[in-house]
């Protein structure tokens, strides 16, 4: 169980799944940089936040920008949207509304509809936060992709839940270590907003040369 002072952003889970060094640069060295992709993502989230905080659509109640936390996982964040679907069993009561309602978190992402493990873990973490706060089991949620205006339903099965919990633990271990991993260039680095700071092609190559010279000297 973590204390309030130990809580880390849920968004950091997506970071560490994408790249441990990126997570360390963000949350150990406090380095931030935007590019086209992050700017588009920020605009998309701002548009979501600009809407009414609550909305009713038939048997669905919609709440936006919901603050969340989990002391078990040591995470805190803000869900873009949480839909509450009317249900016969397994839901919770809402103020001034009759019946039972099952939470259904929705996370907004830029780009086209696709399976992205880092996004699914972030969404699952929101669900685990809601489960801890509301004492309810949430079977699934969805990722909404801004480019295509389509949603991808994500079931919160045991595999995803376990991976999310393990990733949260790994994130805390990384931050507590205070050590930023060395860079290793991969194709995905080209889309990272920190590439000009991380310099994976040049810095990573430097480590490789030093390692080679060290081996040669021992022969």
Foldseek 3Di string as FASTA:
>chain_A
DADLVQADALLLLLVVVLPQLSSCCCQLVVDDFDDPQVVVFVVVLVVLVPDDQWDDDPQKIKGAQQWFDDRLLRYTYTFGMKIWGFDQDQFPDDPPDDGGTAIATEHEHEDDDDDDLSVLLSRVVRQVRCCVVGVTHHQWYWYAYDVVRDIDIDGPDPVSNVVSSVSSVVSSVSNVVSDRDQAADDPCLVVDRCCVVNVNVVRVVVVVVVVVVVVVVVD
